[in-house]
Amino acid sequence: MNKDYYSVLGVSPQASDPEIAQKFRVLALTYHPEKNKSNMAQANYIFTQVCEAYEVLSNPQLREVYDRYGEHLLKNGVPEAKLGFKGGYKFSGNTLEIFEKFFGTSNPFTIALDDNGNTLSLVEQFQQKYQRLFFKKFQELRVNVECTLEEFFFGCKKEILFERIQLMADERSEKVQVISREIEIKPGMGPWTELRFPKEGHQRFANEQSDLIIQLIEEKHPHFERSQDDIIYNHKITLADSLLSKPIIFTTIDNEMIEIAIDEVICPQTQKVIPEKGMPIFNNDPLGPLRKSYQRGNLIVRFDIEFPRQLTFSQKQELTDILNEEE
């Protein structure tokens, strides 16, 4: 089976020379046997594959032959000496020499990479280590804020109070201070919403100021409940009204009077869906406050049928007669 050098390095066949070098840099440091003494055999195998792949793909002539003819002809020779290459290529197996030639050192512990796989200088390594040791970001400050369903529906601004640790004038001593802050609740936000305010959390000596996170919590509503963008309304109805299919009238959360004509016997499983009468659908558009209307979810009407606690004998007989006539 032909080796796929591109897969070994985790690059595409169209990868540029810098991309190939960057992948080799990361993989060679990751799987260097000296850095994997607990599993040296497996690390050495991968390290060898990575070095061979880099040796071929970093050489323009070898890469062109490999791209055209694959590993077999690369190692066994190209017919008629095409591309000026008779063959065949044989991996030297000197992985440490390839490593040292690339990095300029044979010691993998003197090399560090940034998040993008680029080599850090000694000064940059020291700065990074210093920041990790002495300049840590303190744990974020989380504050729970309760909101009514109406506040989530219409949106509002709330003034909140919370405690946070702050540095005093000497920038070393700490104190707990009560902070007042205004937050904006936009229409359609909900209990899953977190408002993050960078560097407004705790201050500690030799620490970067943490973030403030406001977690919104929904208070229980006496008449409505929320399901994502939908509003659920449980309408109480007597057994008689459910059997007689009387129209129902109720007021929505935004004070709109709704009347629903009923053309069926209402049972506990009955529900009516009124489109576009639910919660505003949240859109974090900066022009949102200028909107006159929002897209909305649905209003779902469910029925809470109140059954009589007891019936007289005559009532039971009358009900039996009516139901038997229906059959």
Protein backbone atom coordinates (compact mmCIF):
# COMPACT_ATOMS: atom_id res chain seq x y z
CA MET A 1 0.00 0.00 0.00
CA ASN A 2 1.35 3.40 -0.96
CA LYS A 3 2.11 5.77 1.89
CA ASP A 4 0.07 8.96 1.92
CA TYR A 5 2.66 11.51 2.99
CA TYR A 6 0.07 14.29 2.99
CA SER A 7 -2.14 12.41 5.46
CA VAL A 8 0.87 11.71 7.67
CA LEU A 9 1.44 15.46 8.05
CA GLY A 10 -2.26 16.30 8.05
CA VAL A 11 -2.12 18.62 5.03
CA SER A 12 -3.81 18.66 1.64
CA PRO A 13 -1.95 17.84 -1.62
CA GLN A 14 -2.24 21.54 -2.43
CA ALA A 15 -0.46 22.60 0.77
CA SER A 16 2.22 25.26 0.42
CA ASP A 17 5.81 24.81 1.62
CA PRO A 18 5.19 26.99 4.73
CA GLU A 19 2.09 24.93 5.61
CA ILE A 20 4.08 21.69 5.31
CA ALA A 21 6.87 23.13 7.46
CA GLN A 22 4.41 24.32 10.10
CA LYS A 23 2.75 20.90 10.38
CA PHE A 24 6.14 19.18 10.59
CA ARG A 25 7.20 21.61 13.31
CA VAL A 26 4.20 20.72 15.48
CA LEU A 27 4.24 16.95 14.86
CA ALA A 28 8.02 16.57 15.23
CA LEU A 29 7.93 18.25 18.63
CA THR A 30 4.84 16.34 19.73
CA TYR A 31 6.18 12.88 18.87
CA HIS A 32 9.89 13.34 19.51
CA PRO A 33 10.96 10.16 21.38
CA GLU A 34 12.71 12.15 24.12
CA LYS A 35 9.38 13.79 24.99
CA ASN A 36 7.49 10.48 25.05
CA LYS A 37 9.62 8.15 27.16
CA SER A 38 6.58 6.40 28.63
CA ASN A 39 5.52 5.28 25.15
CA MET A 40 8.75 5.60 23.20
CA ALA A 41 8.17 2.78 20.69
CA GLN A 42 4.92 4.22 19.34
CA ALA A 43 6.24 7.79 19.41
CA ASN A 44 9.38 6.75 17.54
CA TYR A 45 7.29 5.04 14.84
CA ILE A 46 5.15 8.15 14.28
CA PHE A 47 8.20 10.41 14.50
CA THR A 48 9.90 8.36 11.75
CA GLN A 49 6.82 8.55 9.50
CA VAL A 50 6.62 12.31 10.01
CA CYS A 51 10.31 12.83 9.18
CA GLU A 52 10.10 10.71 6.03
CA ALA A 53 6.98 12.56 4.85
CA TYR A 54 8.65 15.91 5.44
CA GLU A 55 11.86 14.85 3.68
CA VAL A 56 9.87 13.98 0.53
CA LEU A 57 7.37 16.85 0.53
CA SER A 58 9.94 19.54 1.36
CA ASN A 59 12.07 18.52 -1.65
CA PRO A 60 10.49 19.96 -4.86
CA GLN A 61 11.85 17.19 -7.12
CA LEU A 62 10.86 14.34 -4.82
CA ARG A 63 7.43 15.86 -4.24
CA GLU A 64 6.76 16.21 -7.98
CA VAL A 65 7.68 12.57 -8.63
CA TYR A 66 5.55 11.45 -5.67
CA ASP A 67 2.58 13.55 -6.84
CA ARG A 68 2.76 12.10 -10.36
CA TYR A 69 3.70 8.49 -9.76
CA GLY A 70 3.18 7.72 -6.08
CA GLU A 71 5.46 6.08 -3.53
CA HIS A 72 6.15 2.91 -5.54
CA LEU A 73 7.85 4.62 -8.50
CA LEU A 74 9.40 7.23 -6.20
CA LYS A 75 11.31 4.44 -4.47
CA ASN A 76 11.78 2.08 -7.43
CA GLY A 77 12.59 4.56 -10.17
CA VAL A 78 10.72 6.44 -12.91
CA PRO A 79 10.68 4.87 -16.41
CA GLU A 80 12.80 6.67 -19.00
CA ALA A 81 14.19 8.91 -16.29
CA LYS A 82 11.31 11.39 -16.55
CA LEU A 83 11.67 14.62 -14.58
CA GLY A 84 15.42 13.97 -14.50
CA PHE A 85 14.86 11.40 -11.75
CA LYS A 86 15.91 7.81 -12.26
CA GLY A 87 15.22 6.56 -8.74
CA GLY A 88 14.84 5.30 -6.45
CA TYR A 89 14.52 7.34 -3.31
CA LYS A 90 15.35 5.64 -0.03
CA PHE A 91 14.64 7.20 3.34
CA SER A 92 17.87 7.54 5.27
CA GLY A 93 16.15 6.84 8.57
CA ASN A 94 18.23 9.51 10.30
CA THR A 95 15.31 11.25 11.94
CA LEU A 96 17.38 13.15 14.50
CA GLU A 97 19.50 14.66 11.74
CA ILE A 98 16.36 15.88 9.95
CA PHE A 99 15.08 17.30 13.24
CA GLU A 100 18.33 19.11 14.02
CA LYS A 101 18.64 20.51 10.51
CA PHE A 102 15.10 21.90 10.70
CA PHE A 103 15.17 23.31 14.25
CA GLY A 104 18.87 24.12 14.56
CA THR A 105 19.13 22.02 17.72
CA SER A 106 18.81 18.38 18.68
CA ASN A 107 17.21 19.18 22.04
CA PRO A 108 13.38 19.27 21.76
CA PHE A 109 13.04 20.77 25.24
CA THR A 110 14.57 24.10 24.17
CA ILE A 111 11.83 24.68 21.59
CA ALA A 112 8.37 26.09 22.25
CA LEU A 113 5.52 26.92 19.89
CA ASP A 114 2.73 29.46 20.01
CA ASP A 115 -0.91 28.57 19.35
CA ASN A 116 -0.34 28.81 15.59
CA GLY A 117 2.60 26.42 15.56
CA ASN A 118 5.25 29.10 15.17
CA THR A 119 8.54 28.86 17.09
CA LEU A 120 8.88 31.15 20.09
CA SER A 121 12.17 32.86 20.84
CA LEU A 122 13.78 32.49 24.27
CA VAL A 123 12.50 35.94 25.23
CA GLU A 124 8.97 35.04 24.15
CA GLN A 125 9.17 31.75 26.04
CA PHE A 126 10.20 33.60 29.21
CA GLN A 127 7.39 36.14 28.79
CA GLN A 128 4.83 33.38 28.28
CA LYS A 129 6.06 31.44 31.31
CA TYR A 130 6.09 34.60 33.45
CA GLN A 131 2.52 35.43 32.48
CA ARG A 132 1.34 31.91 33.31
CA LEU A 133 3.02 32.00 36.71
CA PHE A 134 2.37 35.55 37.85
CA PHE A 135 -0.39 37.05 35.73
CA LYS A 136 -3.34 34.72 35.74
CA LYS A 137 -6.90 35.56 34.91
CA PHE A 138 -9.00 35.25 38.05
CA GLN A 139 -12.19 33.22 38.10
CA GLU A 140 -15.07 34.97 36.36
CA LEU A 141 -17.73 36.65 38.48
CA ARG A 142 -21.19 35.17 37.91
CA VAL A 143 -24.34 37.00 38.99
CA ASN A 144 -27.90 35.64 38.69
CA VAL A 145 -30.60 38.14 37.74
CA GLU A 146 -34.30 37.25 37.88
CA CYS A 147 -36.57 38.56 35.13
CA THR A 148 -40.31 38.31 34.64
CA LEU A 149 -41.81 36.84 31.49
CA GLU A 150 -43.05 40.33 30.65
CA GLU A 151 -39.50 41.69 30.85
CA PHE A 152 -38.32 38.99 28.46
CA PHE A 153 -41.26 39.77 26.17
CA PHE A 154 -41.08 43.56 26.01
CA GLY A 155 -37.42 44.07 26.90
CA CYS A 156 -36.26 46.47 29.60
CA LYS A 157 -33.31 47.98 31.40
CA LYS A 158 -32.54 46.81 34.92
CA GLU A 159 -30.29 48.26 37.58
CA ILE A 160 -28.52 45.43 39.39
CA LEU A 161 -26.34 45.32 42.50
CA PHE A 162 -23.59 42.78 43.07
CA GLU A 163 -20.41 42.37 45.13
CA ARG A 164 -16.97 42.07 43.61
CA ILE A 165 -13.38 42.05 44.85
CA GLN A 166 -11.51 45.25 43.96
CA LEU A 167 -7.98 46.50 44.42
CA MET A 168 -7.44 49.52 46.63
CA ALA A 169 -5.33 52.54 45.70
CA ASP A 170 -2.06 50.76 46.50
CA GLU A 171 -3.00 48.13 43.84
CA ARG A 172 -2.13 45.32 46.26
CA SER A 173 -4.72 45.42 49.04
CA GLU A 174 -8.19 44.06 48.28
CA LYS A 175 -11.69 44.92 49.41
CA VAL A 176 -15.23 43.76 48.65
CA GLN A 177 -17.31 46.51 47.11
CA VAL A 178 -20.98 46.71 46.11
CA ILE A 179 -21.26 47.61 42.44
CA SER A 180 -24.28 49.05 40.65
CA ARG A 181 -24.65 48.38 36.95
CA GLU A 182 -27.36 48.77 34.34
CA ILE A 183 -28.06 45.86 32.01
CA GLU A 184 -30.34 45.67 29.00
CA ILE A 185 -32.80 42.82 28.55
CA LYS A 186 -33.72 42.61 24.88
CA PRO A 187 -37.06 41.18 23.67
CA GLY A 188 -36.78 37.43 23.21
CA MET A 189 -33.91 36.81 25.62
CA GLY A 190 -34.46 33.97 28.04
CA PRO A 191 -33.10 31.93 30.94
CA TRP A 192 -30.46 30.45 28.62
CA THR A 193 -29.02 33.91 27.95
CA GLU A 194 -25.66 34.89 29.44
CA LEU A 195 -24.50 38.50 29.25
CA ARG A 196 -20.70 38.72 29.32
CA PHE A 197 -18.89 41.93 30.23
CA PRO A 198 -15.12 41.56 29.75
CA LYS A 199 -12.89 42.76 32.58
CA GLU A 200 -15.75 43.86 34.84
CA GLY A 201 -15.38 41.02 37.33
CA HIS A 202 -13.02 40.50 40.27
CA GLN A 203 -9.73 42.37 40.62
CA ARG A 204 -6.87 40.57 42.35
CA PHE A 205 -3.24 41.45 42.81
CA ALA A 206 -1.05 40.17 39.93
CA ASN A 207 -4.14 38.94 38.10
CA GLU A 208 -5.90 40.14 35.01
CA GLN A 209 -9.37 41.41 35.91
CA SER A 210 -11.91 38.66 35.28
CA ASP A 211 -15.11 38.87 33.27
CA LEU A 212 -18.57 39.59 34.66
CA ILE A 213 -21.22 37.11 33.52
CA ILE A 214 -24.90 37.84 34.09
CA GLN A 215 -27.05 34.70 34.05
CA LEU A 216 -30.72 35.53 33.43
CA ILE A 217 -33.32 33.53 35.36
CA GLU A 218 -37.04 33.45 34.56
CA GLU A 219 -39.56 33.97 37.34
CA LYS A 220 -42.62 31.71 37.35
CA HIS A 221 -45.65 33.36 35.72
CA PRO A 222 -49.14 32.79 37.16
CA HIS A 223 -50.82 32.25 33.76
CA PHE A 224 -48.24 31.59 31.06
CA GLU A 225 -45.19 29.41 30.66
CA ARG A 226 -42.49 29.60 28.03
CA SER A 227 -41.10 26.94 25.72
CA GLN A 228 -38.23 28.52 23.76
CA ASP A 229 -40.00 31.01 21.44
CA ASP A 230 -43.51 29.69 22.17
CA ILE A 231 -45.86 30.71 24.97
CA ILE A 232 -48.09 28.08 26.54
CA TYR A 233 -51.40 29.18 28.06
CA ASN A 234 -53.41 26.75 30.18
CA HIS A 235 -57.07 27.75 29.98
CA LYS A 236 -59.33 26.53 32.75
CA ILE A 237 -62.67 25.25 31.46
CA THR A 238 -65.60 23.45 33.04
CA LEU A 239 -66.61 20.00 31.90
CA ALA A 240 -69.89 21.43 30.64
CA ASP A 241 -68.16 24.06 28.52
CA SER A 242 -65.76 21.46 27.14
CA LEU A 243 -68.69 19.29 26.06
CA LEU A 244 -70.74 22.19 24.70
CA SER A 245 -67.78 23.61 22.72
CA LYS A 246 -68.27 27.14 23.94
CA PRO A 247 -65.87 29.76 22.53
CA ILE A 248 -63.06 30.76 24.86
CA ILE A 249 -61.86 34.29 25.55
CA PHE A 250 -58.62 35.29 27.24
CA THR A 251 -56.01 38.07 27.32
CA THR A 252 -52.46 37.51 26.05
CA ILE A 253 -49.27 38.62 27.78
CA ASP A 254 -49.29 41.81 25.69
CA ASN A 255 -52.93 42.54 26.64
CA GLU A 256 -54.53 41.47 23.38
CA MET A 257 -58.01 39.99 23.70
CA ILE A 258 -58.23 36.62 21.93
CA GLU A 259 -61.44 34.70 21.16
CA ILE A 260 -61.23 31.16 19.81
CA ALA A 261 -64.28 29.48 18.30
CA ILE A 262 -64.48 25.82 19.27
CA ASP A 263 -66.04 23.34 16.85
CA GLU A 264 -65.29 20.14 18.72
CA VAL A 265 -65.61 18.56 22.12
CA ILE A 266 -62.58 19.57 24.16
CA CYS A 267 -60.62 16.76 25.75
CA PRO A 268 -57.46 16.91 27.92
CA GLN A 269 -55.30 16.35 24.82
CA THR A 270 -56.85 19.21 22.85
CA GLN A 271 -54.66 22.19 22.07
CA LYS A 272 -54.96 25.17 19.76
CA VAL A 273 -51.97 26.82 18.12
CA ILE A 274 -52.13 30.53 17.25
CA PRO A 275 -49.22 31.46 14.98
CA GLU A 276 -47.13 34.59 15.61
CA LYS A 277 -48.60 35.25 19.05
CA GLY A 278 -45.73 33.83 21.10
CA MET A 279 -42.45 35.34 22.31
CA PRO A 280 -40.40 37.72 20.17
CA ILE A 281 -37.59 35.80 18.48
CA PHE A 282 -34.36 37.25 19.83
CA ASN A 283 -32.05 38.82 17.28
CA ASN A 284 -28.84 40.41 18.51
CA ASP A 285 -29.04 43.05 15.80
CA PRO A 286 -27.66 46.43 16.95
CA LEU A 287 -30.58 48.05 15.13
CA GLY A 288 -33.02 45.88 17.08
CA PRO A 289 -34.28 48.73 19.32
CA LEU A 290 -35.41 50.57 16.18
CA ARG A 291 -37.66 47.72 15.10
CA LYS A 292 -41.38 48.29 15.38
CA SER A 293 -42.14 44.57 15.28
CA TYR A 294 -40.39 41.25 15.80
CA GLN A 295 -40.84 37.79 14.43
CA ARG A 296 -42.66 35.78 17.04
CA GLY A 297 -43.17 32.19 18.06
CA ASN A 298 -46.56 30.57 18.56
CA LEU A 299 -49.15 30.79 21.30
CA ILE A 300 -50.21 27.29 22.34
CA VAL A 301 -53.52 27.03 24.19
CA ARG A 302 -54.02 23.94 26.33
CA PHE A 303 -57.06 23.10 28.40
CA ASP A 304 -57.35 22.36 32.10
CA ILE A 305 -60.77 20.73 32.37
CA GLU A 306 -62.41 21.04 35.77
CA PHE A 307 -64.39 17.89 36.47
CA PRO A 308 -67.19 17.94 39.05
CA ARG A 309 -66.25 16.33 42.34
CA GLN A 310 -69.47 14.33 42.50
CA LEU A 311 -72.75 13.76 40.64
CA THR A 312 -76.20 13.00 42.01
CA PHE A 313 -77.90 9.79 40.97
CA SER A 314 -80.30 11.64 38.68
CA GLN A 315 -77.42 13.54 37.06
CA LYS A 316 -75.59 10.29 36.43
CA GLN A 317 -78.74 8.79 34.91
CA GLU A 318 -79.30 11.80 32.66
CA LEU A 319 -75.66 11.75 31.54
CA THR A 320 -75.86 8.02 30.81
CA ASP A 321 -79.02 8.52 28.75
CA ILE A 322 -77.40 11.35 26.74
CA LEU A 323 -74.26 9.35 26.01
CA ASN A 324 -76.28 6.27 25.07
CA GLU A 325 -78.33 8.37 22.64
CA GLU A 326 -75.08 9.62 21.09
CA GLU A 327 -74.03 6.02 20.40
